[in-house]
Amino acid sequence: MKLPPMNALRAFEAASRHLSVSRAAEELCVSQGAVSQQLRNLEDHLGRELFIRTPNSFALSEEGEAFAVVVQQALGEIALAASEVTSEKTQHTLNISSSPNMAIKWLMPRLGDFYQTHPDISITLDQSVNLVTFKNDGVDAGIRFGDAEFEGLHNTLLIEVQLSAVASPDYIAKNGRLESLSVPGKHRLIENYYADKKIRSQHTHWANIVEGKLVNPSVDYLVFPDEYQAFNGALQGQGIALVANYWIDEEIESGAIEYICEESIQSGNNYYFVSPLDARPNPGLDSFRDWLLDQTKKYRS
């Protein structure tokens, strides 16, 4: 099998994460034209359009979304493996469990900052939505979404999840803004619907805040299988998504997406750093927890 050029994959990974050619170019220390050319080379190699380009937006296509998840995870794992291979024998490795969405969208892009201040600690990410058994699975700690009821575990609050309604500038220009989260009018609502009932029950859905009679029967819910795809649907102008605060910093800052309503609501669940109560003292794990608390302080009241 002939692999795509590595430079093209690096350009795609950065552009798909930032949803911005200029920010990808800045991260890779190359020109915007060089990034655009690498993206075109990759699309030519695959025979697929990975991005939807308009004068006012730059978003992943359906094929691009699926490919981005794989490429971001693969390059992240290669970087971690390379770090382990080249590290000193005294380097300490932490195995951290996290859901794939949390790991790819928030944690992995920030790990470079952690390595700058803690070069002797390596992080291996176990990306799974399933709850792990720490002793049997060799996991040191986890980042988990829930209600703080974690039996037999230390838990430290990381993110108080606030939910906001967001949409692309193009969608807002065509359809106007949302009067209220509970009164959607004729707007199309984007929903994420996890197949696993337990995971689904942890998330706040439009149906939890909108009375059925208030939804215009001519406007369907647009349903995606997880939060990542629902968010990208909003980026592409397909409707309004109800998204957690920690998801949208870069896109709000770049103007790729906007709040469509001034209201926000608190999720019934939050993100916690969890570890076994009977674990031995681990200074490296303490350092990683403290770093996480510093990185997430703006998400706590």
Protein backbone atom coordinates (compact mmCIF):
# COMPACT_ATOMS: atom_id res chain seq x y z
CA MET A 1 0.00 0.00 0.00
CA LYS A 2 1.38 3.40 -0.99
CA LEU A 3 1.18 5.82 1.94
CA PRO A 4 0.36 9.52 1.44
CA PRO A 5 3.35 11.91 1.70
CA MET A 6 4.23 12.60 5.36
CA ASN A 7 4.43 16.39 4.83
CA ALA A 8 0.93 16.33 3.40
CA LEU A 9 -0.34 14.34 6.38
CA ARG A 10 1.28 16.78 8.83
CA ALA A 11 -0.33 19.71 7.00
CA PHE A 12 -3.71 17.95 6.99
CA GLU A 13 -3.47 17.09 10.71
CA ALA A 14 -2.76 20.71 11.64
CA ALA A 15 -5.37 22.18 9.26
CA SER A 16 -8.07 19.69 10.36
CA ARG A 17 -7.38 20.46 14.03
CA HIS A 18 -7.38 24.25 13.67
CA LEU A 19 -9.82 24.39 10.71
CA SER A 20 -7.59 27.19 9.50
CA VAL A 21 -4.84 27.16 6.87
CA SER A 22 -3.19 30.24 8.36
CA ARG A 23 -3.02 28.77 11.88
CA ALA A 24 -1.72 25.47 10.50
CA ALA A 25 0.97 27.36 8.59
CA GLU A 26 1.94 29.26 11.74
CA GLU A 27 2.23 26.03 13.74
CA LEU A 28 4.31 24.30 11.05
CA CYS A 29 6.47 27.41 10.38
CA VAL A 30 5.69 27.41 6.65
CA SER A 31 3.70 29.66 4.34
CA GLN A 32 -0.08 29.41 3.88
CA GLY A 33 0.54 28.60 0.24
CA ALA A 34 2.73 25.65 1.22
CA VAL A 35 0.01 24.26 3.49
CA SER A 36 -2.66 24.73 0.80
CA GLN A 37 -0.47 22.94 -1.74
CA GLN A 38 0.13 20.01 0.62
CA LEU A 39 -3.62 19.72 1.23
CA ARG A 40 -4.25 19.66 -2.53
CA ASN A 41 -1.51 17.03 -2.96
CA LEU A 42 -3.17 14.85 -0.33
CA GLU A 43 -6.60 15.23 -1.91
CA ASP A 44 -5.13 14.34 -5.31
CA HIS A 45 -3.42 11.31 -3.78
CA LEU A 46 -6.67 10.09 -2.19
CA GLY A 47 -8.97 11.19 -4.99
CA ARG A 48 -11.29 12.82 -2.46
CA GLU A 49 -12.04 16.34 -1.30
CA LEU A 50 -11.19 16.50 2.38
CA PHE A 51 -12.32 20.11 2.93
CA ILE A 52 -15.31 22.18 1.96
CA ARG A 53 -13.97 25.56 0.85
CA THR A 54 -16.14 28.65 0.43
CA PRO A 55 -15.21 32.35 0.49
CA ASN A 56 -16.37 32.55 4.13
CA SER A 57 -15.67 29.12 5.58
CA PHE A 58 -13.22 26.25 5.67
CA ALA A 59 -14.55 22.99 7.05
CA LEU A 60 -13.95 19.27 6.83
CA SER A 61 -15.98 17.23 4.35
CA GLU A 62 -17.59 13.99 5.50
CA GLU A 63 -14.59 12.02 4.22
CA GLY A 64 -12.27 14.60 5.78
CA GLU A 65 -13.88 14.19 9.21
CA ALA A 66 -13.38 10.43 9.20
CA PHE A 67 -9.82 10.74 7.91
CA ALA A 68 -8.94 13.47 10.44
CA VAL A 69 -9.81 11.27 13.42
CA VAL A 70 -7.45 8.54 12.18
CA VAL A 71 -4.60 10.86 11.14
CA GLN A 72 -4.69 12.94 14.35
CA GLN A 73 -4.64 9.81 16.49
CA ALA A 74 -1.94 8.10 14.42
CA LEU A 75 0.44 11.08 14.36
CA GLY A 76 -0.15 11.65 18.06
CA GLU A 77 0.78 8.05 18.81
CA ILE A 78 3.86 8.27 16.57
CA ALA A 79 4.98 11.41 18.40
CA LEU A 80 4.51 9.74 21.77
CA ALA A 81 6.33 6.60 20.63
CA ALA A 82 9.20 8.66 19.26
CA SER A 83 9.39 10.51 22.55
CA GLU A 84 9.64 7.23 24.45
CA VAL A 85 12.30 5.80 22.12
CA THR A 86 14.55 8.86 22.36
CA SER A 87 13.98 9.50 26.06
CA GLU A 88 16.44 8.76 28.82
CA LYS A 89 16.03 5.53 30.77
CA THR A 90 14.96 7.60 33.78
CA GLN A 91 11.92 8.97 31.94
CA HIS A 92 8.65 8.10 33.65
CA THR A 93 5.65 7.00 31.59
CA LEU A 94 2.05 7.63 32.67
CA ASN A 95 -0.81 5.70 31.14
CA ILE A 96 -3.86 7.99 31.08
CA SER A 97 -7.34 6.87 30.06
CA SER A 98 -9.60 9.35 28.26
CA SER A 99 -12.53 9.31 25.88
CA PRO A 100 -11.42 9.67 22.21
CA ASN A 101 -13.24 12.99 21.75
CA MET A 102 -11.66 14.56 24.83
CA ALA A 103 -8.21 13.23 23.92
CA ILE A 104 -8.25 14.32 20.26
CA LYS A 105 -10.08 17.64 20.53
CA TRP A 106 -8.64 19.02 23.76
CA LEU A 107 -5.82 17.05 25.41
CA MET A 108 -3.48 16.04 22.57
CA PRO A 109 -3.05 19.56 21.13
CA ARG A 110 -1.90 20.74 24.58
CA LEU A 111 0.49 17.95 25.51
CA GLY A 112 3.40 19.80 23.89
CA ASP A 113 3.09 22.40 26.64
CA PHE A 114 3.27 19.68 29.30
CA TYR A 115 6.40 18.12 27.73
CA GLN A 116 8.16 21.49 27.68
CA THR A 117 7.91 21.78 31.46
CA HIS A 118 8.12 18.03 32.25
CA PRO A 119 10.56 16.47 29.74
CA ASP A 120 11.13 13.49 32.05
CA ILE A 121 7.45 12.40 31.93
CA SER A 122 5.86 10.67 28.93
CA ILE A 123 2.08 10.35 28.51
CA THR A 124 0.49 7.34 26.85
CA LEU A 125 -3.20 7.83 26.07
CA ASP A 126 -5.65 4.95 26.35
CA GLN A 127 -8.54 6.32 24.29
CA SER A 128 -11.75 4.54 25.21
CA VAL A 129 -15.30 5.38 26.29
CA ASN A 130 -15.32 2.27 28.47
CA LEU A 131 -14.52 2.54 32.17
CA VAL A 132 -11.19 0.88 32.90
CA THR A 133 -10.16 -1.21 35.87
CA PHE A 134 -6.94 0.53 36.85
CA LYS A 135 -5.03 -2.46 38.21
CA ASN A 136 -5.98 -4.88 35.43
CA ASP A 137 -5.57 -2.42 32.55
CA GLY A 138 -2.34 -0.82 33.73
CA VAL A 139 -3.87 2.67 33.77
CA ASP A 140 -2.52 5.25 36.21
CA ALA A 141 -5.41 7.72 36.03
CA GLY A 142 -8.32 8.77 33.87
CA ILE A 143 -10.18 11.84 32.63
CA ARG A 144 -13.82 10.95 32.96
CA PHE A 145 -17.18 12.57 32.28
CA GLY A 146 -19.73 12.02 35.03
CA ASP A 147 -21.47 13.21 38.17
CA ALA A 148 -18.56 12.83 40.66
CA GLU A 149 -19.83 9.42 41.81
CA PHE A 150 -16.70 7.36 41.15
CA GLU A 151 -16.59 4.54 43.69
CA GLY A 152 -13.15 3.70 45.03
CA LEU A 153 -11.46 6.58 43.22
CA HIS A 154 -10.03 9.98 44.00
CA ASN A 155 -11.77 12.55 41.85
CA THR A 156 -10.70 16.12 41.13
CA LEU A 157 -12.96 18.48 39.18
CA LEU A 158 -11.34 19.66 35.93
CA ILE A 159 -14.10 21.18 33.78
CA GLU A 160 -17.54 22.42 34.76
CA VAL A 161 -19.30 21.77 31.47
CA GLN A 162 -21.39 24.66 30.18
CA LEU A 163 -23.40 24.08 26.99
CA SER A 164 -23.89 26.76 24.36
CA ALA A 165 -25.70 26.84 21.02
CA VAL A 166 -23.34 27.53 18.13
CA ALA A 167 -23.61 27.82 14.36
CA SER A 168 -21.48 28.94 11.42
CA PRO A 169 -21.50 32.62 10.33
CA ASP A 170 -23.09 31.59 7.02
CA TYR A 171 -25.93 29.77 8.78
CA ILE A 172 -26.58 32.76 11.05
CA ALA A 173 -26.54 35.17 8.10
CA LYS A 174 -29.17 33.07 6.31
CA ASN A 175 -31.37 32.07 9.25
CA GLY A 176 -30.87 34.64 11.99
CA ARG A 177 -30.13 34.02 15.64
CA LEU A 178 -31.85 31.84 18.20
CA GLU A 179 -34.32 33.63 20.47
CA SER A 180 -33.90 31.15 23.31
CA LEU A 181 -32.47 27.67 23.83
CA SER A 182 -35.94 26.48 24.74
CA VAL A 183 -37.65 28.16 21.77
CA PRO A 184 -35.89 26.99 18.60
CA GLY A 185 -38.48 28.24 16.12
CA LYS A 186 -37.71 27.13 12.58
CA HIS A 187 -34.03 26.49 13.14
CA ARG A 188 -32.52 23.11 12.36
CA LEU A 189 -31.12 21.48 15.51
CA ILE A 190 -28.07 19.23 15.33
CA GLU A 191 -28.09 16.34 17.77
CA ASN A 192 -25.44 13.84 18.86
CA TYR A 193 -26.94 10.47 19.65
CA TYR A 194 -24.57 7.88 21.13
CA ALA A 195 -25.46 4.25 20.50
CA ASP A 196 -24.47 3.29 24.06
CA LYS A 197 -27.43 4.12 26.32
CA LYS A 198 -25.24 4.83 29.36
CA ILE A 199 -23.09 7.33 27.48
CA ARG A 200 -26.19 8.85 25.86
CA SER A 201 -27.80 9.41 29.25
CA GLN A 202 -24.79 11.42 30.47
CA HIS A 203 -25.19 14.05 27.77
CA THR A 204 -27.70 16.89 27.58
CA HIS A 205 -29.73 16.79 24.38
CA TRP A 206 -32.02 19.32 22.72
CA ALA A 207 -34.96 17.19 23.80
CA ASN A 208 -33.99 17.87 27.44
CA ILE A 209 -34.48 21.64 27.08
CA VAL A 210 -36.98 22.02 24.21
CA GLU A 211 -40.59 20.99 24.52
CA GLY A 212 -41.62 18.84 21.58
CA LYS A 213 -44.51 21.12 20.68
CA LEU A 214 -42.10 24.04 20.23
CA VAL A 215 -40.11 22.34 17.48
CA ASN A 216 -41.43 23.22 14.05
CA PRO A 217 -42.60 19.89 12.53
CA SER A 218 -41.18 20.94 9.15
CA VAL A 219 -37.67 21.14 10.62
CA ASP A 220 -35.99 17.86 11.40
CA TYR A 221 -33.31 17.14 13.92
CA LEU A 222 -30.03 16.42 12.16
CA VAL A 223 -28.53 13.49 14.08
CA PHE A 224 -24.86 12.48 14.27
CA PRO A 225 -23.41 9.53 16.23
CA ASP A 226 -21.16 11.59 18.50
CA GLU A 227 -20.30 15.11 19.68
CA TYR A 228 -17.32 15.51 17.34
CA GLN A 229 -19.38 14.95 14.19
CA ALA A 230 -22.26 17.08 15.48
CA PHE A 231 -19.85 19.96 16.06
CA ASN A 232 -18.43 19.63 12.56
CA GLY A 233 -21.97 19.65 11.19
CA ALA A 234 -22.43 23.08 12.78
CA LEU A 235 -19.09 24.25 11.35
CA GLN A 236 -20.32 23.29 7.89
CA GLY A 237 -23.47 25.38 8.26
CA GLN A 238 -25.91 22.48 8.61
CA GLY A 239 -27.67 23.80 11.72
CA ILE A 240 -27.27 24.62 15.41
CA ALA A 241 -25.30 22.35 17.73
CA LEU A 242 -25.40 22.29 21.51
CA VAL A 243 -21.71 22.15 22.39
CA ALA A 244 -19.60 22.06 25.56
CA ASN A 245 -17.52 25.13 26.44
CA TYR A 246 -14.13 23.42 26.20
CA TRP A 247 -14.79 22.39 22.57
CA ILE A 248 -15.07 25.77 20.95
CA ASP A 249 -12.27 28.10 22.11
CA GLU A 250 -10.23 28.04 18.89
CA GLU A 251 -13.22 28.14 16.56
CA ILE A 252 -14.84 31.07 18.40
CA GLU A 253 -11.54 32.95 18.38
CA SER A 254 -10.99 32.35 14.65
CA GLY A 255 -14.59 33.23 13.76
CA ALA A 256 -15.25 29.80 12.23
CA ILE A 257 -18.27 29.46 14.51
CA GLU A 258 -20.36 31.84 16.61
CA TYR A 259 -22.70 31.76 19.57
CA ILE A 260 -26.19 31.92 18.15
CA CYS A 261 -27.82 32.64 21.52
CA GLU A 262 -26.66 34.46 24.65
CA GLU A 263 -27.97 31.70 26.90
CA SER A 264 -25.88 28.80 28.14
CA ILE A 265 -26.84 25.97 30.47
CA GLN A 266 -24.90 23.81 32.87
CA SER A 267 -24.53 20.17 31.95
CA GLY A 268 -25.59 17.64 34.53
CA ASN A 269 -22.10 16.10 34.30
CA ASN A 270 -18.54 17.42 34.34
CA TYR A 271 -14.99 16.26 33.65
CA TYR A 272 -12.94 14.82 36.50
CA PHE A 273 -9.41 13.53 36.97
CA VAL A 274 -9.76 10.15 38.67
CA SER A 275 -7.20 7.75 40.17
CA PRO A 276 -7.33 4.74 42.56
CA LEU A 277 -7.63 5.48 46.27
CA ASP A 278 -5.09 2.79 47.12
CA ALA A 279 -2.46 3.80 44.54
CA ARG A 280 1.12 4.36 45.66
CA PRO A 281 2.45 7.95 45.76
CA ASN A 282 3.35 9.03 42.22
CA PRO A 283 5.03 12.47 41.87
CA GLY A 284 4.80 12.29 38.07
CA LEU A 285 1.05 11.74 38.22
CA ASP A 286 0.70 14.60 40.71
CA SER A 287 2.58 16.86 38.28
CA PHE A 288 0.28 15.86 35.41
CA ARG A 289 -2.84 16.46 37.54
CA ASP A 290 -1.57 19.88 38.62
CA TRP A 291 -0.82 20.78 34.98
CA LEU A 292 -4.35 19.72 33.98
CA LEU A 293 -5.85 21.84 36.76
CA ASP A 294 -3.91 24.86 35.53
CA GLN A 295 -4.96 24.26 31.91
CA THR A 296 -8.63 23.90 32.85
CA LYS A 297 -8.94 26.64 35.49
CA LYS A 298 -10.88 28.95 33.15
CA TYR A 299 -13.58 26.26 32.84
CA ARG A 300 -14.27 26.25 36.58
CA SER A 301 -16.33 28.89 38.34
